[in-house]
Amino acid sequence: MTVQRFETGPRMSQVVVHGNTVYLAGVVAGKTAGKSVTEQTQDILAIIDGHLAKAGTDKSKLLSATIYITDMKTFPEMNAVWDGWVSAGNTPARATVEAKLAAPQYNVEIMVVAAK
């Protein structure tokens, strides 16, 4: 079985496809770094939509999601955006963890696995 990699750098690939499974690295906000959890989550989910499309799939085929937030008090704020985005009836297995992220301007990081 072949392995495809997209946006590959010296340390990691943003997207890896193996067979009919698509693995995304953790995604952080691009344009909205340093802004609210709502804005960062919206930005991240749009980026995820793009990565999934590039790999030939979409959010209706999510298998799992791991969400990292810097403050669990923002859990409802992040969930409000997530709930409006996720495909109804196709919700993935999911975990949310409070953690320090790579840089202080990031408040949310999301990593997903999807089927093709």
PDB file of N, CA and C in Angstrom:
ATOM      1  N   MET A   1       0.830  -1.174   0.000  1.00  0.00           N
ATOM      2  CA  MET A   1       0.000   0.000   0.000  1.00  0.00           C
ATOM      3  C   MET A   1       0.879   1.244   0.000  1.00  0.00           C
ATOM      4  N   THR A   2       0.525   2.212  -0.809  1.00  0.00           N
ATOM      5  CA  THR A   2       1.334   3.425  -0.886  1.00  0.00           C
ATOM      6  C   THR A   2       0.975   4.405   0.227  1.00  0.00           C
ATOM      7  N   VAL A   3       1.913   5.286   0.492  1.00  0.00           N
ATOM      8  CA  VAL A   3       1.722   6.360   1.455  1.00  0.00           C
ATOM      9  C   VAL A   3       1.882   7.674   0.697  1.00  0.00           C
ATOM     10  N   GLN A   4       0.904   8.550   0.810  1.00  0.00           N
ATOM     11  CA  GLN A   4       0.983   9.886   0.224  1.00  0.00           C
ATOM     12  C   GLN A   4       1.165  10.892   1.342  1.00  0.00           C
ATOM     13  N   ARG A   5       1.977  11.916   1.080  1.00  0.00           N
ATOM     14  CA  ARG A   5       2.202  12.965   2.072  1.00  0.00           C
ATOM     15  C   ARG A   5       1.998  14.323   1.405  1.00  0.00           C
ATOM     16  N   PHE A   6       1.331  15.225   2.108  1.00  0.00           N
ATOM     17  CA  PHE A   6       1.092  16.577   1.621  1.00  0.00           C
ATOM     18  C   PHE A   6       1.677  17.574   2.611  1.00  0.00           C
ATOM     19  N   GLU A   7       2.181  18.677   2.079  1.00  0.00           N
ATOM     20  CA  GLU A   7       2.796  19.719   2.902  1.00  0.00           C
ATOM     21  C   GLU A   7       3.843  19.114   3.835  1.00  0.00           C
ATOM     22  N   THR A   8       4.791  18.440   3.207  1.00  0.00           N
ATOM     23  CA  THR A   8       5.846  17.747   3.936  1.00  0.00           C
ATOM     24  C   THR A   8       7.024  18.676   4.186  1.00  0.00           C
ATOM     25  N   GLY A   9       7.491  18.677   5.402  1.00  0.00           N
ATOM     26  CA  GLY A   9       8.659  19.461   5.774  1.00  0.00           C
ATOM     27  C   GLY A   9       9.695  18.565   6.415  1.00  0.00           C
ATOM     28  N   PRO A  10      10.755  19.142   6.947  1.00  0.00           N
ATOM     29  CA  PRO A  10      11.822  18.339   7.543  1.00  0.00           C
ATOM     30  C   PRO A  10      11.406  17.637   8.842  1.00  0.00           C
ATOM     31  N   ARG A  11      10.372  18.148   9.508  1.00  0.00           N
ATOM     32  CA  ARG A  11       9.964  17.587  10.792  1.00  0.00           C
ATOM     33  C   ARG A  11       8.674  16.775  10.707  1.00  0.00           C
ATOM     34  N   MET A  12       7.780  17.153   9.788  1.00  0.00           N
ATOM     35  CA  MET A  12       6.470  16.512   9.749  1.00  0.00           C
ATOM     36  C   MET A  12       5.767  16.772   8.434  1.00  0.00           C
ATOM     37  N   SER A  13       4.731  15.994   8.184  1.00  0.00           N
ATOM     38  CA  SER A  13       3.819  16.230   7.072  1.00  0.00           C
ATOM     39  C   SER A  13       2.492  16.673   7.665  1.00  0.00           C
ATOM     40  N   GLN A  14       1.836  17.614   7.019  1.00  0.00           N
ATOM     41  CA  GLN A  14       0.547  18.090   7.514  1.00  0.00           C
ATOM     42  C   GLN A  14      -0.545  17.048   7.292  1.00  0.00           C
ATOM     43  N   VAL A  15      -0.447  16.324   6.167  1.00  0.00           N
ATOM     44  CA  VAL A  15      -1.443  15.305   5.827  1.00  0.00           C
ATOM     45  C   VAL A  15      -0.712  14.053   5.361  1.00  0.00           C
ATOM     46  N   VAL A  16      -1.127  12.892   5.876  1.00  0.00           N
ATOM     47  CA  VAL A  16      -0.590  11.607   5.429  1.00  0.00           C
ATOM     48  C   VAL A  16      -1.778  10.707   5.096  1.00  0.00           C
ATOM     49  N   VAL A  17      -1.719  10.104   3.909  1.00  0.00           N
ATOM     50  CA  VAL A  17      -2.771   9.189   3.476  1.00  0.00           C
ATOM     51  C   VAL A  17      -2.159   7.806   3.321  1.00  0.00           C
ATOM     52  N   HIS A  18      -2.748   6.833   3.999  1.00  0.00           N
ATOM     53  CA  HIS A  18      -2.312   5.443   3.892  1.00  0.00           C
ATOM     54  C   HIS A  18      -3.553   4.605   3.631  1.00  0.00           C
ATOM     55  N   GLY A  19      -3.625   3.982   2.490  1.00  0.00           N
ATOM     56  CA  GLY A  19      -4.825   3.233   2.139  1.00  0.00           C
ATOM     57  C   GLY A  19      -6.019   4.163   2.084  1.00  0.00           C
ATOM     58  N   ASN A  20      -7.035   3.832   2.842  1.00  0.00           N
ATOM     59  CA  ASN A  20      -8.244   4.655   2.889  1.00  0.00           C
ATOM     60  C   ASN A  20      -8.349   5.467   4.170  1.00  0.00           C
ATOM     61  N   THR A  21      -7.205   5.730   4.799  1.00  0.00           N
ATOM     62  CA  THR A  21      -7.199   6.517   6.030  1.00  0.00           C
ATOM     63  C   THR A  21      -6.352   7.765   5.843  1.00  0.00           C
ATOM     64  N   VAL A  22      -6.890   8.897   6.312  1.00  0.00           N
ATOM     65  CA  VAL A  22      -6.230  10.204   6.195  1.00  0.00           C
ATOM     66  C   VAL A  22      -5.911  10.693   7.601  1.00  0.00           C
ATOM     67  N   TYR A  23      -4.651  11.004   7.841  1.00  0.00           N
ATOM     68  CA  TYR A  23      -4.181  11.482   9.139  1.00  0.00           C
ATOM     69  C   TYR A  23      -3.746  12.934   8.992  1.00  0.00           C
ATOM     70  N   LEU A  24      -4.277  13.809   9.812  1.00  0.00           N
ATOM     71  CA  LEU A  24      -3.846  15.202   9.821  1.00  0.00           C
ATOM     72  C   LEU A  24      -3.005  15.462  11.058  1.00  0.00           C
ATOM     73  N   ALA A  25      -1.940  16.228  10.875  1.00  0.00           N
ATOM     74  CA  ALA A  25      -1.162  16.700  12.023  1.00  0.00           C
ATOM     75  C   ALA A  25      -2.028  17.710  12.774  1.00  0.00           C
ATOM     76  N   GLY A  26      -1.610  18.095  13.951  1.00  0.00           N
ATOM     77  CA  GLY A  26      -2.343  19.118  14.684  1.00  0.00           C
ATOM     78  C   GLY A  26      -2.402  20.404  13.879  1.00  0.00           C
ATOM     79  N   VAL A  27      -3.583  21.002  13.835  1.00  0.00           N
ATOM     80  CA  VAL A  27      -3.792  22.239  13.084  1.00  0.00           C
ATOM     81  C   VAL A  27      -4.040  23.368  14.075  1.00  0.00           C
ATOM     82  N   VAL A  28      -3.305  24.454  13.914  1.00  0.00           N
ATOM     83  CA  VAL A  28      -3.507  25.656  14.721  1.00  0.00           C
ATOM     84  C   VAL A  28      -3.979  26.779  13.801  1.00  0.00           C
ATOM     85  N   ALA A  29      -4.437  27.848  14.403  1.00  0.00           N
ATOM     86  CA  ALA A  29      -4.960  28.983  13.647  1.00  0.00           C
ATOM     87  C   ALA A  29      -3.884  29.598  12.758  1.00  0.00           C
ATOM     88  N   GLY A  30      -4.290  30.035  11.606  1.00  0.00           N
ATOM     89  CA  GLY A  30      -3.394  30.744  10.701  1.00  0.00           C
ATOM     90  C   GLY A  30      -3.617  32.241  10.843  1.00  0.00           C
ATOM     91  N   LYS A  31      -4.668  32.724  10.210  1.00  0.00           N
ATOM     92  CA  LYS A  31      -4.978  34.159  10.199  1.00  0.00           C
ATOM     93  C   LYS A  31      -5.448  34.686  11.547  1.00  0.00           C
ATOM     94  N   THR A  32      -5.927  33.815  12.417  1.00  0.00           N
ATOM     95  CA  THR A  32      -6.542  34.276  13.665  1.00  0.00           C
ATOM     96  C   THR A  32      -5.709  33.982  14.912  1.00  0.00           C
ATOM     97  N   ALA A  33      -4.443  33.649  14.733  1.00  0.00           N
ATOM     98  CA  ALA A  33      -3.577  33.414  15.898  1.00  0.00           C
ATOM     99  C   ALA A  33      -3.619  34.645  16.798  1.00  0.00           C
ATOM    100  N   GLY A  34      -3.786  34.422  18.088  1.00  0.00           N
ATOM    101  CA  GLY A  34      -3.839  35.512  19.048  1.00  0.00           C
ATOM    102  C   GLY A  34      -5.239  36.062  19.268  1.00  0.00           C
ATOM    103  N   LYS A  35      -6.202  35.617  18.474  1.00  0.00           N
ATOM    104  CA  LYS A  35      -7.578  36.086  18.628  1.00  0.00           C
ATOM    105  C   LYS A  35      -8.364  35.129  19.518  1.00  0.00           C
ATOM    106  N   SER A  36      -9.675  35.301  19.559  1.00  0.00           N
ATOM    107  CA  SER A  36     -10.519  34.516  20.464  1.00  0.00           C
ATOM    108  C   SER A  36     -10.528  33.032  20.107  1.00  0.00           C
ATOM    109  N   VAL A  37     -10.937  32.216  21.063  1.00  0.00           N
ATOM    110  CA  VAL A  37     -11.073  30.783  20.841  1.00  0.00           C
ATOM    111  C   VAL A  37     -12.091  30.525  19.730  1.00  0.00           C
ATOM    112  N   THR A  38     -13.160  31.295  19.698  1.00  0.00           N
ATOM    113  CA  THR A  38     -14.164  31.154  18.637  1.00  0.00           C
ATOM    114  C   THR A  38     -13.531  31.367  17.273  1.00  0.00           C
ATOM    115  N   GLU A  39     -12.808  32.469  17.111  1.00  0.00           N
ATOM    116  CA  GLU A  39     -12.184  32.778  15.819  1.00  0.00           C
ATOM    117  C   GLU A  39     -11.122  31.747  15.449  1.00  0.00           C
ATOM    118  N   GLN A  40     -10.314  31.354  16.417  1.00  0.00           N
ATOM    119  CA  GLN A  40      -9.282  30.356  16.134  1.00  0.00           C
ATOM    120  C   GLN A  40      -9.909  29.025  15.734  1.00  0.00           C
ATOM    121  N   THR A  41     -10.956  28.603  16.426  1.00  0.00           N
ATOM    122  CA  THR A  41     -11.597  27.329  16.096  1.00  0.00           C
ATOM    123  C   THR A  41     -12.202  27.386  14.698  1.00  0.00           C
ATOM    124  N   GLN A  42     -12.851  28.478  14.345  1.00  0.00           N
ATOM    125  CA  GLN A  42     -13.414  28.633  12.988  1.00  0.00           C
ATOM    126  C   GLN A  42     -12.315  28.525  11.939  1.00  0.00           C
ATOM    127  N   ASP A  43     -11.210  29.203  12.173  1.00  0.00           N
ATOM    128  CA  ASP A  43     -10.072  29.195  11.256  1.00  0.00           C
ATOM    129  C   ASP A  43      -9.516  27.778  11.110  1.00  0.00           C
ATOM    130  N   ILE A  44      -9.312  27.110  12.226  1.00  0.00           N
ATOM    131  CA  ILE A  44      -8.756  25.753  12.217  1.00  0.00           C
ATOM    132  C   ILE A  44      -9.661  24.797  11.453  1.00  0.00           C
ATOM    133  N   LEU A  45     -10.956  24.871  11.698  1.00  0.00           N
ATOM    134  CA  LEU A  45     -11.877  23.951  11.021  1.00  0.00           C
ATOM    135  C   LEU A  45     -11.927  24.209   9.521  1.00  0.00           C
ATOM    136  N   ALA A  46     -11.781  25.459   9.102  1.00  0.00           N
ATOM    137  CA  ALA A  46     -11.702  25.763   7.668  1.00  0.00           C
ATOM    138  C   ALA A  46     -10.427  25.172   7.068  1.00  0.00           C
ATOM    139  N   ILE A  47      -9.332  25.253   7.796  1.00  0.00           N
ATOM    140  CA  ILE A  47      -8.063  24.662   7.333  1.00  0.00           C
ATOM    141  C   ILE A  47      -8.220  23.144   7.229  1.00  0.00           C
ATOM    142  N   ILE A  48      -8.849  22.534   8.228  1.00  0.00           N
ATOM    143  CA  ILE A  48      -9.079  21.087   8.198  1.00  0.00           C
ATOM    144  C   ILE A  48      -9.928  20.706   6.989  1.00  0.00           C
ATOM    145  N   ASP A  49     -10.983  21.464   6.710  1.00  0.00           N
ATOM    146  CA  ASP A  49     -11.803  21.204   5.520  1.00  0.00           C
ATOM    147  C   ASP A  49     -10.939  21.175   4.262  1.00  0.00           C
ATOM    148  N   GLY A  50     -10.017  22.128   4.142  1.00  0.00           N
ATOM    149  CA  GLY A  50      -9.128  22.186   2.978  1.00  0.00           C
ATOM    150  C   GLY A  50      -8.194  20.995   2.892  1.00  0.00           C
ATOM    151  N   HIS A  51      -7.616  20.613   4.014  1.00  0.00           N
ATOM    152  CA  HIS A  51      -6.717  19.450   4.030  1.00  0.00           C
ATOM    153  C   HIS A  51      -7.464  18.164   3.679  1.00  0.00           C
ATOM    154  N   LEU A  52      -8.649  18.005   4.230  1.00  0.00           N
ATOM    155  CA  LEU A  52      -9.433  16.810   3.933  1.00  0.00           C
ATOM    156  C   LEU A  52      -9.806  16.750   2.451  1.00  0.00           C
ATOM    157  N   ALA A  53     -10.191  17.885   1.890  1.00  0.00           N
ATOM    158  CA  ALA A  53     -10.536  17.930   0.459  1.00  0.00           C
ATOM    159  C   ALA A  53      -9.333  17.551  -0.395  1.00  0.00           C
ATOM    160  N   LYS A  54      -8.173  18.071  -0.035  1.00  0.00           N
ATOM    161  CA  LYS A  54      -6.938  17.752  -0.765  1.00  0.00           C
ATOM    162  C   LYS A  54      -6.656  16.251  -0.745  1.00  0.00           C
ATOM    163  N   ALA A  55      -7.038  15.593   0.347  1.00  0.00           N
ATOM    164  CA  ALA A  55      -6.801  14.158   0.493  1.00  0.00           C
ATOM    165  C   ALA A  55      -7.953  13.321  -0.062  1.00  0.00           C
ATOM    166  N   GLY A  56      -8.983  13.979  -0.578  1.00  0.00           N
ATOM    167  CA  GLY A  56     -10.087  13.253  -1.197  1.00  0.00           C
ATOM    168  C   GLY A  56     -11.173  12.795  -0.243  1.00  0.00           C
ATOM    169  N   THR A  57     -11.374  13.545   0.847  1.00  0.00           N
ATOM    170  CA  THR A  57     -12.411  13.178   1.808  1.00  0.00           C
ATOM    171  C   THR A  57     -13.032  14.447   2.381  1.00  0.00           C
ATOM    172  N   ASP A  58     -13.854  14.295   3.411  1.00  0.00           N
ATOM    173  CA  ASP A  58     -14.476  15.459   4.040  1.00  0.00           C
ATOM    174  C   ASP A  58     -14.857  15.129   5.485  1.00  0.00           C
ATOM    175  N   LYS A  59     -15.386  16.133   6.180  1.00  0.00           N
ATOM    176  CA  LYS A  59     -15.680  15.980   7.608  1.00  0.00           C
ATOM    177  C   LYS A  59     -16.735  14.931   7.917  1.00  0.00           C
ATOM    178  N   SER A  60     -17.539  14.534   6.945  1.00  0.00           N
ATOM    179  CA  SER A  60     -18.542  13.492   7.195  1.00  0.00           C
ATOM    180  C   SER A  60     -17.896  12.121   7.394  1.00  0.00           C
ATOM    181  N   LYS A  61     -16.605  12.032   7.090  1.00  0.00           N
ATOM    182  CA  LYS A  61     -15.902  10.750   7.219  1.00  0.00           C
ATOM    183  C   LYS A  61     -14.876  10.762   8.361  1.00  0.00           C
ATOM    184  N   LEU A  62     -14.993  11.737   9.262  1.00  0.00           N
ATOM    185  CA  LEU A  62     -14.084  11.779  10.410  1.00  0.00           C
ATOM    186  C   LEU A  62     -14.235  10.527  11.258  1.00  0.00           C
ATOM    187  N   LEU A  63     -13.109   9.977  11.661  1.00  0.00           N
ATOM    188  CA  LEU A  63     -13.083   8.817  12.560  1.00  0.00           C
ATOM    189  C   LEU A  63     -12.790   9.236  13.989  1.00  0.00           C
ATOM    190  N   SER A  64     -11.829  10.147  14.142  1.00  0.00           N
ATOM    191  CA  SER A  64     -11.465  10.604  15.487  1.00  0.00           C
ATOM    192  C   SER A  64     -10.949  12.033  15.430  1.00  0.00           C
ATOM    193  N   ALA A  65     -11.033  12.686  16.579  1.00  0.00           N
ATOM    194  CA  ALA A  65     -10.516  14.050  16.719  1.00  0.00           C
ATOM    195  C   ALA A  65      -9.923  14.195  18.111  1.00  0.00           C
ATOM    196  N   THR A  66      -8.790  14.864  18.174  1.00  0.00           N
ATOM    197  CA  THR A  66      -8.183  15.230  19.450  1.00  0.00           C
ATOM    198  C   THR A  66      -8.059  16.735  19.446  1.00  0.00           C
ATOM    199  N   ILE A  67      -8.628  17.364  20.468  1.00  0.00           N
ATOM    200  CA  ILE A  67      -8.644  18.818  20.560  1.00  0.00           C
ATOM    201  C   ILE A  67      -7.847  19.223  21.793  1.00  0.00           C
ATOM    202  N   TYR A  68      -6.928  20.136  21.594  1.00  0.00           N
ATOM    203  CA  TYR A  68      -6.124  20.679  22.685  1.00  0.00           C
ATOM    204  C   TYR A  68      -6.535  22.139  22.870  1.00  0.00           C
ATOM    205  N   ILE A  69      -6.872  22.524  24.095  1.00  0.00           N
ATOM    206  CA  ILE A  69      -7.176  23.916  24.397  1.00  0.00           C
ATOM    207  C   ILE A  69      -6.336  24.336  25.599  1.00  0.00           C
ATOM    208  N   THR A  70      -5.971  25.604  25.631  1.00  0.00           N
ATOM    209  CA  THR A  70      -5.073  26.064  26.692  1.00  0.00           C
ATOM    210  C   THR A  70      -5.791  26.337  28.011  1.00  0.00           C
ATOM    211  N   ASP A  71      -7.113  26.481  27.964  1.00  0.00           N
ATOM    212  CA  ASP A  71      -7.869  26.757  29.183  1.00  0.00           C
ATOM    213  C   ASP A  71      -9.229  26.070  29.075  1.00  0.00           C
ATOM    214  N   MET A  72      -9.490  25.127  29.947  1.00  0.00           N
ATOM    215  CA  MET A  72     -10.738  24.363  29.888  1.00  0.00           C
ATOM    216  C   MET A  72     -11.960  25.260  30.088  1.00  0.00           C
ATOM    217  N   LYS A  73     -11.768  26.462  30.599  1.00  0.00           N
ATOM    218  CA  LYS A  73     -12.889  27.403  30.724  1.00  0.00           C
ATOM    219  C   LYS A  73     -13.428  27.803  29.348  1.00  0.00           C
ATOM    220  N   THR A  74     -12.618  27.645  28.297  1.00  0.00           N
ATOM    221  CA  THR A  74     -13.052  27.994  26.941  1.00  0.00           C
ATOM    222  C   THR A  74     -13.678  26.811  26.200  1.00  0.00           C
ATOM    223  N   PHE A  75     -13.828  25.694  26.901  1.00  0.00           N
ATOM    224  CA  PHE A  75     -14.417  24.483  26.306  1.00  0.00           C
ATOM    225  C   PHE A  75     -15.790  24.760  25.675  1.00  0.00           C
ATOM    226  N   PRO A  76     -16.716  25.456  26.370  1.00  0.00           N
ATOM    227  CA  PRO A  76     -18.021  25.722  25.754  1.00  0.00           C
ATOM    228  C   PRO A  76     -17.911  26.601  24.498  1.00  0.00           C
ATOM    229  N   GLU A  77     -16.997  27.549  24.503  1.00  0.00           N
ATOM    230  CA  GLU A  77     -16.791  28.436  23.349  1.00  0.00           C
ATOM    231  C   GLU A  77     -16.298  27.637  22.140  1.00  0.00           C
ATOM    232  N   MET A  78     -15.326  26.767  22.361  1.00  0.00           N
ATOM    233  CA  MET A  78     -14.816  25.926  21.277  1.00  0.00           C
ATOM    234  C   MET A  78     -15.908  24.974  20.802  1.00  0.00           C
ATOM    235  N   ASN A  79     -16.648  24.363  21.750  1.00  0.00           N
ATOM    236  CA  ASN A  79     -17.705  23.422  21.400  1.00  0.00           C
ATOM    237  C   ASN A  79     -18.806  24.065  20.570  1.00  0.00           C
ATOM    238  N   ALA A  80     -19.136  25.314  20.823  1.00  0.00           N
ATOM    239  CA  ALA A  80     -20.180  25.995  20.060  1.00  0.00           C
ATOM    240  C   ALA A  80     -19.814  26.039  18.578  1.00  0.00           C
ATOM    241  N   VAL A  81     -18.538  26.296  18.286  1.00  0.00           N
ATOM    242  CA  VAL A  81     -18.082  26.322  16.894  1.00  0.00           C
ATOM    243  C   VAL A  81     -18.037  24.897  16.339  1.00  0.00           C
ATOM    244  N   TRP A  82     -17.464  23.983  17.097  1.00  0.00           N
ATOM    245  CA  TRP A  82     -17.365  22.575  16.673  1.00  0.00           C
ATOM    246  C   TRP A  82     -18.742  22.021  16.336  1.00  0.00           C
ATOM    247  N   ASP A  83     -19.716  22.241  17.232  1.00  0.00           N
ATOM    248  CA  ASP A  83     -21.059  21.682  17.044  1.00  0.00           C
ATOM    249  C   ASP A  83     -21.723  22.207  15.774  1.00  0.00           C
ATOM    250  N   GLY A  84     -21.429  23.446  15.399  1.00  0.00           N
ATOM    251  CA  GLY A  84     -21.979  24.008  14.169  1.00  0.00           C
ATOM    252  C   GLY A  84     -21.285  23.510  12.917  1.00  0.00           C
ATOM    253  N   TRP A  85     -20.096  22.963  13.075  1.00  0.00           N
ATOM    254  CA  TRP A  85     -19.287  22.508  11.930  1.00  0.00           C
ATOM    255  C   TRP A  85     -19.401  21.017  11.681  1.00  0.00           C
ATOM    256  N   VAL A  86     -19.372  20.219  12.722  1.00  0.00           N
ATOM    257  CA  VAL A  86     -19.295  18.766  12.572  1.00  0.00           C
ATOM    258  C   VAL A  86     -20.530  18.244  11.831  1.00  0.00           C
ATOM    259  N   SER A  87     -20.340  17.198  11.057  1.00  0.00           N
ATOM    260  CA  SER A  87     -21.412  16.610  10.250  1.00  0.00           C
ATOM    261  C   SER A  87     -22.391  15.840  11.140  1.00  0.00           C
ATOM    262  N   ALA A  88     -23.626  16.309  11.200  1.00  0.00           N
ATOM    263  CA  ALA A  88     -24.650  15.676  12.039  1.00  0.00           C
ATOM    264  C   ALA A  88     -24.798  14.201  11.671  1.00  0.00           C
ATOM    265  N   GLY A  89     -24.824  13.363  12.684  1.00  0.00           N
ATOM    266  CA  GLY A  89     -24.954  11.931  12.471  1.00  0.00           C
ATOM    267  C   GLY A  89     -23.658  11.238  12.111  1.00  0.00           C
ATOM    268  N   ASN A  90     -22.588  12.018  11.934  1.00  0.00           N
ATOM    269  CA  ASN A  90     -21.280  11.459  11.563  1.00  0.00           C
ATOM    270  C   ASN A  90     -20.189  11.930  12.516  1.00  0.00           C
ATOM    271  N   THR A  91     -20.552  12.139  13.762  1.00  0.00           N
ATOM    272  CA  THR A  91     -19.570  12.671  14.710  1.00  0.00           C
ATOM    273  C   THR A  91     -18.494  11.627  15.015  1.00  0.00           C
ATOM    274  N   PRO A  92     -17.243  12.090  15.114  1.00  0.00           N
ATOM    275  CA  PRO A  92     -16.133  11.166  15.369  1.00  0.00           C
ATOM    276  C   PRO A  92     -15.978  10.853  16.851  1.00  0.00           C
ATOM    277  N   ALA A  93     -15.183   9.843  17.139  1.00  0.00           N
ATOM    278  CA  ALA A  93     -14.704   9.655  18.506  1.00  0.00           C
ATOM    279  C   ALA A  93     -13.850  10.891  18.801  1.00  0.00           C
ATOM    280  N   ARG A  94     -13.921  11.420  20.024  1.00  0.00           N
ATOM    281  CA  ARG A  94     -13.246  12.687  20.286  1.00  0.00           C
ATOM    282  C   ARG A  94     -12.754  12.777  21.716  1.00  0.00           C
ATOM    283  N   ALA A  95     -11.621  13.451  21.875  1.00  0.00           N
ATOM    284  CA  ALA A  95     -11.104  13.781  23.203  1.00  0.00           C
ATOM    285  C   ALA A  95     -10.702  15.247  23.187  1.00  0.00           C
ATOM    286  N   THR A  96     -10.883  15.910  24.319  1.00  0.00           N
ATOM    287  CA  THR A  96     -10.436  17.297  24.466  1.00  0.00           C
ATOM    288  C   THR A  96      -9.558  17.359  25.701  1.00  0.00           C
ATOM    289  N   VAL A  97      -8.392  17.979  25.528  1.00  0.00           N
ATOM    290  CA  VAL A  97      -7.379  18.020  26.580  1.00  0.00           C
ATOM    291  C   VAL A  97      -6.929  19.455  26.796  1.00  0.00           C
ATOM    292  N   GLU A  98      -6.756  19.846  28.047  1.00  0.00           N
ATOM    293  CA  GLU A  98      -6.162  21.142  28.351  1.00  0.00           C
ATOM    294  C   GLU A  98      -4.648  20.973  28.325  1.00  0.00           C
ATOM    295  N   ALA A  99      -3.970  21.832  27.565  1.00  0.00           N
ATOM    296  CA  ALA A  99      -2.519  21.706  27.427  1.00  0.00           C
ATOM    297  C   ALA A  99      -1.891  23.029  27.018  1.00  0.00           C
ATOM    298  N   LYS A 100      -0.612  23.179  27.317  1.00  0.00           N
ATOM    299  CA  LYS A 100       0.156  24.287  26.754  1.00  0.00           C
ATOM    300  C   LYS A 100       0.423  23.954  25.298  1.00  0.00           C
ATOM    301  N   LEU A 101       0.310  24.943  24.426  1.00  0.00           N
ATOM    302  CA  LEU A 101       0.574  24.718  23.011  1.00  0.00           C
ATOM    303  C   LEU A 101       1.936  25.296  22.645  1.00  0.00           C
ATOM    304  N   ALA A 102       2.334  25.135  21.405  1.00  0.00           N
ATOM    305  CA  ALA A 102       3.691  25.462  20.961  1.00  0.00           C
ATOM    306  C   ALA A 102       4.049  26.940  21.096  1.00  0.00           C
ATOM    307  N   ALA A 103       3.055  27.817  21.014  1.00  0.00           N
ATOM    308  CA  ALA A 103       3.317  29.257  21.110  1.00  0.00           C
ATOM    309  C   ALA A 103       2.135  29.920  21.820  1.00  0.00           C
ATOM    310  N   PRO A 104       2.381  31.010  22.533  1.00  0.00           N
ATOM    311  CA  PRO A 104       1.318  31.618  23.352  1.00  0.00           C
ATOM    312  C   PRO A 104       0.141  32.192  22.555  1.00  0.00           C
ATOM    313  N   GLN A 105       0.311  32.461  21.281  1.00  0.00           N
ATOM    314  CA  GLN A 105      -0.796  33.009  20.490  1.00  0.00           C
ATOM    315  C   GLN A 105      -1.821  31.951  20.091  1.00  0.00           C
ATOM    316  N   TYR A 106      -1.499  30.679  20.331  1.00  0.00           N
ATOM    317  CA  TYR A 106      -2.414  29.594  19.998  1.00  0.00           C
ATOM    318  C   TYR A 106      -3.193  29.150  21.238  1.00  0.00           C
ATOM    319  N   ASN A 107      -4.522  29.121  21.104  1.00  0.00           N
ATOM    320  CA  ASN A 107      -5.381  28.670  22.200  1.00  0.00           C
ATOM    321  C   ASN A 107      -6.070  27.346  21.897  1.00  0.00           C
ATOM    322  N   VAL A 108      -6.016  26.937  20.638  1.00  0.00           N
ATOM    323  CA  VAL A 108      -6.689  25.702  20.203  1.00  0.00           C
ATOM    324  C   VAL A 108      -5.802  25.005  19.178  1.00  0.00           C
ATOM    325  N   GLU A 109      -5.754  23.686  19.249  1.00  0.00           N
ATOM    326  CA  GLU A 109      -5.102  22.853  18.224  1.00  0.00           C
ATOM    327  C   GLU A 109      -5.973  21.620  18.046  1.00  0.00           C
ATOM    328  N   ILE A 110      -6.226  21.261  16.786  1.00  0.00           N
ATOM    329  CA  ILE A 110      -7.105  20.124  16.514  1.00  0.00           C
ATOM    330  C   ILE A 110      -6.412  19.170  15.562  1.00  0.00           C
ATOM    331  N   MET A 111      -6.474  17.896  15.888  1.00  0.00           N
ATOM    332  CA  MET A 111      -5.889  16.839  15.058  1.00  0.00           C
ATOM    333  C   MET A 111      -7.002  15.837  14.747  1.00  0.00           C
ATOM    334  N   VAL A 112      -7.139  15.455  13.466  1.00  0.00           N
ATOM    335  CA  VAL A 112      -8.197  14.517  13.093  1.00  0.00           C
ATOM    336  C   VAL A 112      -7.663  13.368  12.243  1.00  0.00           C
ATOM    337  N   VAL A 113      -8.424  12.289  12.241  1.00  0.00           N
ATOM    338  CA  VAL A 113      -8.208  11.143  11.363  1.00  0.00           C
ATOM    339  C   VAL A 113      -9.539  10.914  10.659  1.00  0.00           C
ATOM    340  N   ALA A 114      -9.461  10.656   9.340  1.00  0.00           N
ATOM    341  CA  ALA A 114     -10.679  10.450   8.563  1.00  0.00           C
ATOM    342  C   ALA A 114     -10.522   9.266   7.618  1.00  0.00           C
ATOM    343  N   ALA A 115     -11.641   8.688   7.223  1.00  0.00           N
ATOM    344  CA  ALA A 115     -11.659   7.672   6.184  1.00  0.00           C
ATOM    345  C   ALA A 115     -11.793   8.381   4.838  1.00  0.00           C
ATOM    346  N   LYS A 116     -11.431   7.685   3.773  1.00  0.00           N
ATOM    347  CA  LYS A 116     -11.621   8.259   2.429  1.00  0.00           C
ATOM    348  C   LYS A 116     -12.986   7.888   1.915  1.00  0.00           C
TER     349      LYS A 116
END
